[in-house]
Amino acid sequence: GLHVTGMGLHPPESATTVRVRGGE
């Protein structure tokens, strides 16, 4: 009764970071 969910992630090569600075 402890595990709710889990998942693996694709490698960082497939990632995109998003930052918004000054509205851009």
PDB file of all heavy atoms in Angstrom:
ATOM      1  N   GLY A   1       0.789  -1.226   0.000  1.00  0.00           N
ATOM      2  CA  GLY A   1       0.000   0.000   0.000  1.00  0.00           C
ATOM      3  C   GLY A   1       0.824   1.281   0.000  1.00  0.00           C
ATOM      4  O   GLY A   1       0.291   2.346   0.300  1.00  0.00           O
ATOM      5  N   LEU A   2       2.101   1.203  -0.372  1.00  0.00           N
ATOM      6  CA  LEU A   2       2.965   2.380  -0.349  1.00  0.00           C
ATOM      7  C   LEU A   2       3.193   2.988  -1.728  1.00  0.00           C
ATOM      8  O   LEU A   2       3.371   4.193  -1.857  1.00  0.00           O
ATOM      9  CB  LEU A   2       4.338   2.034   0.255  1.00  0.00           C
ATOM     10  CG  LEU A   2       4.343   1.524   1.687  1.00  0.00           C
ATOM     11  CD1 LEU A   2       5.752   1.131   2.098  1.00  0.00           C
ATOM     12  CD2 LEU A   2       3.779   2.571   2.622  1.00  0.00           C
ATOM     13  N   HIS A   3       3.208   2.155  -2.764  1.00  0.00           N
ATOM     14  CA  HIS A   3       3.552   2.628  -4.115  1.00  0.00           C
ATOM     15  C   HIS A   3       2.332   3.237  -4.784  1.00  0.00           C
ATOM     16  O   HIS A   3       1.292   2.595  -4.904  1.00  0.00           O
ATOM     17  CB  HIS A   3       4.092   1.465  -4.951  1.00  0.00           C
ATOM     18  CG  HIS A   3       4.685   1.877  -6.246  1.00  0.00           C
ATOM     19  ND1 HIS A   3       4.010   1.754  -7.440  1.00  0.00           N
ATOM     20  CD2 HIS A   3       5.880   2.424  -6.551  1.00  0.00           C
ATOM     21  CE1 HIS A   3       4.782   2.188  -8.415  1.00  0.00           C
ATOM     22  NE2 HIS A   3       5.920   2.607  -7.903  1.00  0.00           N
ATOM     23  N   VAL A   4       2.432   4.475  -5.204  1.00  0.00           N
ATOM     24  CA  VAL A   4       1.341   5.156  -5.893  1.00  0.00           C
ATOM     25  C   VAL A   4       1.539   5.039  -7.395  1.00  0.00           C
ATOM     26  O   VAL A   4       0.664   4.590  -8.118  1.00  0.00           O
ATOM     27  CB  VAL A   4       1.242   6.636  -5.459  1.00  0.00           C
ATOM     28  CG1 VAL A   4       0.186   7.371  -6.263  1.00  0.00           C
ATOM     29  CG2 VAL A   4       0.959   6.731  -3.965  1.00  0.00           C
ATOM     30  N   THR A   5       2.715   5.462  -7.878  1.00  0.00           N
ATOM     31  CA  THR A   5       3.039   5.378  -9.296  1.00  0.00           C
ATOM     32  C   THR A   5       4.544   5.583  -9.474  1.00  0.00           C
ATOM     33  O   THR A   5       5.243   5.948  -8.540  1.00  0.00           O
ATOM     34  CB  THR A   5       2.250   6.411 -10.140  1.00  0.00           C
ATOM     35  OG1 THR A   5       2.400   6.116 -11.521  1.00  0.00           O
ATOM     36  CG2 THR A   5       2.705   7.828  -9.870  1.00  0.00           C
ATOM     37  N   GLY A   6       5.002   5.367 -10.669  1.00  0.00           N
ATOM     38  CA  GLY A   6       6.408   5.592 -10.980  1.00  0.00           C
ATOM     39  C   GLY A   6       6.600   5.521 -12.477  1.00  0.00           C
ATOM     40  O   GLY A   6       5.728   5.046 -13.202  1.00  0.00           O
ATOM     41  N   MET A   7       7.744   6.009 -12.911  1.00  0.00           N
ATOM     42  CA  MET A   7       8.028   5.970 -14.335  1.00  0.00           C
ATOM     43  C   MET A   7       9.492   6.266 -14.586  1.00  0.00           C
ATOM     44  O   MET A   7      10.138   6.940 -13.805  1.00  0.00           O
ATOM     45  CB  MET A   7       7.161   6.976 -15.086  1.00  0.00           C
ATOM     46  CG  MET A   7       7.454   8.426 -14.725  1.00  0.00           C
ATOM     47  SD  MET A   7       6.186   9.571 -15.271  1.00  0.00           S
ATOM     48  CE  MET A   7       4.878   9.180 -14.136  1.00  0.00           C
ATOM     49  N   GLY A   8       9.975   5.720 -15.691  1.00  0.00           N
ATOM     50  CA  GLY A   8      11.304   6.056 -16.158  1.00  0.00           C
ATOM     51  C   GLY A   8      11.212   7.261 -17.083  1.00  0.00           C
ATOM     52  O   GLY A   8      10.137   7.609 -17.564  1.00  0.00           O
ATOM     53  N   LEU A   9      12.341   7.889 -17.291  1.00  0.00           N
ATOM     54  CA  LEU A   9      12.386   9.051 -18.168  1.00  0.00           C
ATOM     55  C   LEU A   9      13.305   8.780 -19.353  1.00  0.00           C
ATOM     56  O   LEU A   9      14.270   8.029 -19.237  1.00  0.00           O
ATOM     57  CB  LEU A   9      12.913  10.268 -17.403  1.00  0.00           C
ATOM     58  CG  LEU A   9      12.116  10.679 -16.171  1.00  0.00           C
ATOM     59  CD1 LEU A   9      12.841  11.795 -15.434  1.00  0.00           C
ATOM     60  CD2 LEU A   9      10.714  11.109 -16.557  1.00  0.00           C
ATOM     61  N   HIS A  10      13.004   9.402 -20.477  1.00  0.00           N
ATOM     62  CA  HIS A  10      13.892   9.326 -21.631  1.00  0.00           C
ATOM     63  C   HIS A  10      15.193  10.034 -21.280  1.00  0.00           C
ATOM     64  O   HIS A  10      15.227  10.890 -20.393  1.00  0.00           O
ATOM     65  CB  HIS A  10      13.246   9.972 -22.857  1.00  0.00           C
ATOM     66  CG  HIS A  10      12.151   9.157 -23.450  1.00  0.00           C
ATOM     67  ND1 HIS A  10      12.387   8.121 -24.318  1.00  0.00           N
ATOM     68  CD2 HIS A  10      10.803   9.213 -23.280  1.00  0.00           C
ATOM     69  CE1 HIS A  10      11.240   7.574 -24.666  1.00  0.00           C
ATOM     70  NE2 HIS A  10      10.260   8.215 -24.045  1.00  0.00           N
ATOM     71  N   PRO A  11      16.281   9.743 -21.986  1.00  0.00           N
ATOM     72  CA  PRO A  11      17.569  10.373 -21.680  1.00  0.00           C
ATOM     73  C   PRO A  11      17.553  11.875 -21.953  1.00  0.00           C
ATOM     74  O   PRO A  11      16.688  12.390 -22.663  1.00  0.00           O
ATOM     75  CB  PRO A  11      18.553   9.650 -22.608  1.00  0.00           C
ATOM     76  CG  PRO A  11      17.731   9.039 -23.669  1.00  0.00           C
ATOM     77  CD  PRO A  11      16.370   8.792 -23.104  1.00  0.00           C
ATOM     78  N   PRO A  12      18.529  12.597 -21.371  1.00  0.00           N
ATOM     79  CA  PRO A  12      18.539  14.047 -21.500  1.00  0.00           C
ATOM     80  C   PRO A  12      18.664  14.547 -22.941  1.00  0.00           C
ATOM     81  O   PRO A  12      18.311  15.684 -23.227  1.00  0.00           O
ATOM     82  CB  PRO A  12      19.756  14.495 -20.689  1.00  0.00           C
ATOM     83  CG  PRO A  12      20.445  13.291 -20.233  1.00  0.00           C
ATOM     84  CD  PRO A  12      19.608  12.103 -20.555  1.00  0.00           C
ATOM     85  N   GLU A  13      19.132  13.700 -23.850  1.00  0.00           N
ATOM     86  CA  GLU A  13      19.224  14.112 -25.248  1.00  0.00           C
ATOM     87  C   GLU A  13      17.868  14.489 -25.821  1.00  0.00           C
ATOM     88  O   GLU A  13      17.774  15.246 -26.780  1.00  0.00           O
ATOM     89  CB  GLU A  13      19.838  12.998 -26.114  1.00  0.00           C
ATOM     90  CG  GLU A  13      21.297  12.737 -25.820  1.00  0.00           C
ATOM     91  CD  GLU A  13      21.522  11.830 -24.610  1.00  0.00           C
ATOM     92  OE1 GLU A  13      20.550  11.223 -24.098  1.00  0.00           O
ATOM     93  OE2 GLU A  13      22.664  11.757 -24.162  1.00  0.00           O
ATOM     94  N   SER A  14      16.792  13.951 -25.235  1.00  0.00           N
ATOM     95  CA  SER A  14      15.452  14.231 -25.741  1.00  0.00           C
ATOM     96  C   SER A  14      14.766  15.368 -24.982  1.00  0.00           C
ATOM     97  O   SER A  14      13.635  15.717 -25.283  1.00  0.00           O
ATOM     98  CB  SER A  14      14.593  12.965 -25.638  1.00  0.00           C
ATOM     99  OG  SER A  14      14.380  12.625 -24.283  1.00  0.00           O
ATOM    100  N   ALA A  15      15.470  15.970 -24.012  1.00  0.00           N
ATOM    101  CA  ALA A  15      14.865  16.995 -23.158  1.00  0.00           C
ATOM    102  C   ALA A  15      14.982  18.395 -23.747  1.00  0.00           C
ATOM    103  O   ALA A  15      15.846  18.672 -24.569  1.00  0.00           O
ATOM    104  CB  ALA A  15      15.530  16.971 -21.783  1.00  0.00           C
ATOM    105  N   THR A  16      14.102  19.256 -23.305  1.00  0.00           N
ATOM    106  CA  THR A  16      14.156  20.681 -23.601  1.00  0.00           C
ATOM    107  C   THR A  16      13.900  21.419 -22.300  1.00  0.00           C
ATOM    108  O   THR A  16      12.967  21.098 -21.572  1.00  0.00           O
ATOM    109  CB  THR A  16      13.073  21.092 -24.623  1.00  0.00           C
ATOM    110  OG1 THR A  16      13.304  20.379 -25.838  1.00  0.00           O
ATOM    111  CG2 THR A  16      13.085  22.582 -24.890  1.00  0.00           C
ATOM    112  N   THR A  17      14.752  22.390 -21.974  1.00  0.00           N
ATOM    113  CA  THR A  17      14.482  23.243 -20.818  1.00  0.00           C
ATOM    114  C   THR A  17      13.808  24.517 -21.307  1.00  0.00           C
ATOM    115  O   THR A  17      14.074  24.997 -22.411  1.00  0.00           O
ATOM    116  CB  THR A  17      15.759  23.619 -20.032  1.00  0.00           C
ATOM    117  OG1 THR A  17      16.627  24.339 -20.888  1.00  0.00           O
ATOM    118  CG2 THR A  17      16.452  22.399 -19.501  1.00  0.00           C
ATOM    119  N   VAL A  18      12.917  25.034 -20.473  1.00  0.00           N
ATOM    120  CA  VAL A  18      12.177  26.249 -20.800  1.00  0.00           C
ATOM    121  C   VAL A  18      12.407  27.254 -19.679  1.00  0.00           C
ATOM    122  O   VAL A  18      12.181  26.949 -18.509  1.00  0.00           O
ATOM    123  CB  VAL A  18      10.667  25.963 -20.941  1.00  0.00           C
ATOM    124  CG1 VAL A  18       9.900  27.245 -21.259  1.00  0.00           C
ATOM    125  CG2 VAL A  18      10.410  24.899 -22.003  1.00  0.00           C
ATOM    126  N   ARG A  19      12.862  28.435 -20.060  1.00  0.00           N
ATOM    127  CA  ARG A  19      13.015  29.545 -19.126  1.00  0.00           C
ATOM    128  C   ARG A  19      12.345  30.754 -19.764  1.00  0.00           C
ATOM    129  O   ARG A  19      12.506  30.987 -20.957  1.00  0.00           O
ATOM    130  CB  ARG A  19      14.487  29.859 -18.880  1.00  0.00           C
ATOM    131  CG  ARG A  19      15.241  28.782 -18.155  1.00  0.00           C
ATOM    132  CD  ARG A  19      16.739  29.173 -18.049  1.00  0.00           C
ATOM    133  NE  ARG A  19      17.493  28.169 -17.353  1.00  0.00           N
ATOM    134  CZ  ARG A  19      18.086  27.108 -17.917  1.00  0.00           C
ATOM    135  NH1 ARG A  19      17.972  26.913 -19.215  1.00  0.00           N
ATOM    136  NH2 ARG A  19      18.759  26.244 -17.196  1.00  0.00           N
ATOM    137  N   VAL A  20      11.629  31.518 -18.977  1.00  0.00           N
ATOM    138  CA  VAL A  20      11.042  32.761 -19.479  1.00  0.00           C
ATOM    139  C   VAL A  20      11.713  33.907 -18.736  1.00  0.00           C
ATOM    140  O   VAL A  20      11.650  33.983 -17.511  1.00  0.00           O
ATOM    141  CB  VAL A  20       9.511  32.785 -19.288  1.00  0.00           C
ATOM    142  CG1 VAL A  20       8.939  34.118 -19.757  1.00  0.00           C
ATOM    143  CG2 VAL A  20       8.862  31.631 -20.036  1.00  0.00           C
ATOM    144  N   ARG A  21      12.382  34.772 -19.489  1.00  0.00           N
ATOM    145  CA  ARG A  21      13.080  35.921 -18.923  1.00  0.00           C
ATOM    146  C   ARG A  21      12.646  37.157 -19.691  1.00  0.00           C
ATOM    147  O   ARG A  21      12.733  37.183 -20.924  1.00  0.00           O
ATOM    148  CB  ARG A  21      14.610  35.761 -19.011  1.00  0.00           C
ATOM    149  CG  ARG A  21      15.164  34.527 -18.334  1.00  0.00           C
ATOM    150  CD  ARG A  21      14.963  34.602 -16.810  1.00  0.00           C
ATOM    151  NE  ARG A  21      15.617  33.498 -16.124  1.00  0.00           N
ATOM    152  CZ  ARG A  21      15.025  32.353 -15.801  1.00  0.00           C
ATOM    153  NH1 ARG A  21      13.777  32.130 -16.147  1.00  0.00           N
ATOM    154  NH2 ARG A  21      15.689  31.424 -15.140  1.00  0.00           N
ATOM    155  N   GLY A  22      12.174  38.141 -18.971  1.00  0.00           N
ATOM    156  CA  GLY A  22      11.724  39.366 -19.620  1.00  0.00           C
ATOM    157  C   GLY A  22      10.618  39.127 -20.626  1.00  0.00           C
ATOM    158  O   GLY A  22      10.539  39.795 -21.641  1.00  0.00           O
ATOM    159  N   GLY A  23       9.769  38.132 -20.358  1.00  0.00           N
ATOM    160  CA  GLY A  23       8.668  37.816 -21.254  1.00  0.00           C
ATOM    161  C   GLY A  23       9.057  37.004 -22.473  1.00  0.00           C
ATOM    162  O   GLY A  23       8.218  36.670 -23.293  1.00  0.00           O
ATOM    163  N   GLU A  24      10.341  36.668 -22.611  1.00  0.00           N
ATOM    164  CA  GLU A  24      10.814  35.897 -23.764  1.00  0.00           C
ATOM    165  C   GLU A  24      11.152  34.475 -23.327  1.00  0.00           C
ATOM    166  O   GLU A  24      11.861  34.266 -22.340  1.00  0.00           O
ATOM    167  CB  GLU A  24      12.057  36.548 -24.364  1.00  0.00           C
ATOM    168  CG  GLU A  24      12.567  35.833 -25.599  1.00  0.00           C
ATOM    169  CD  GLU A  24      13.804  36.498 -26.180  1.00  0.00           C
ATOM    170  OE1 GLU A  24      14.076  37.669 -25.860  1.00  0.00           O
ATOM    171  OE2 GLU A  24      14.507  35.835 -26.950  1.00  0.00           O
TER     172      GLU A  24
END
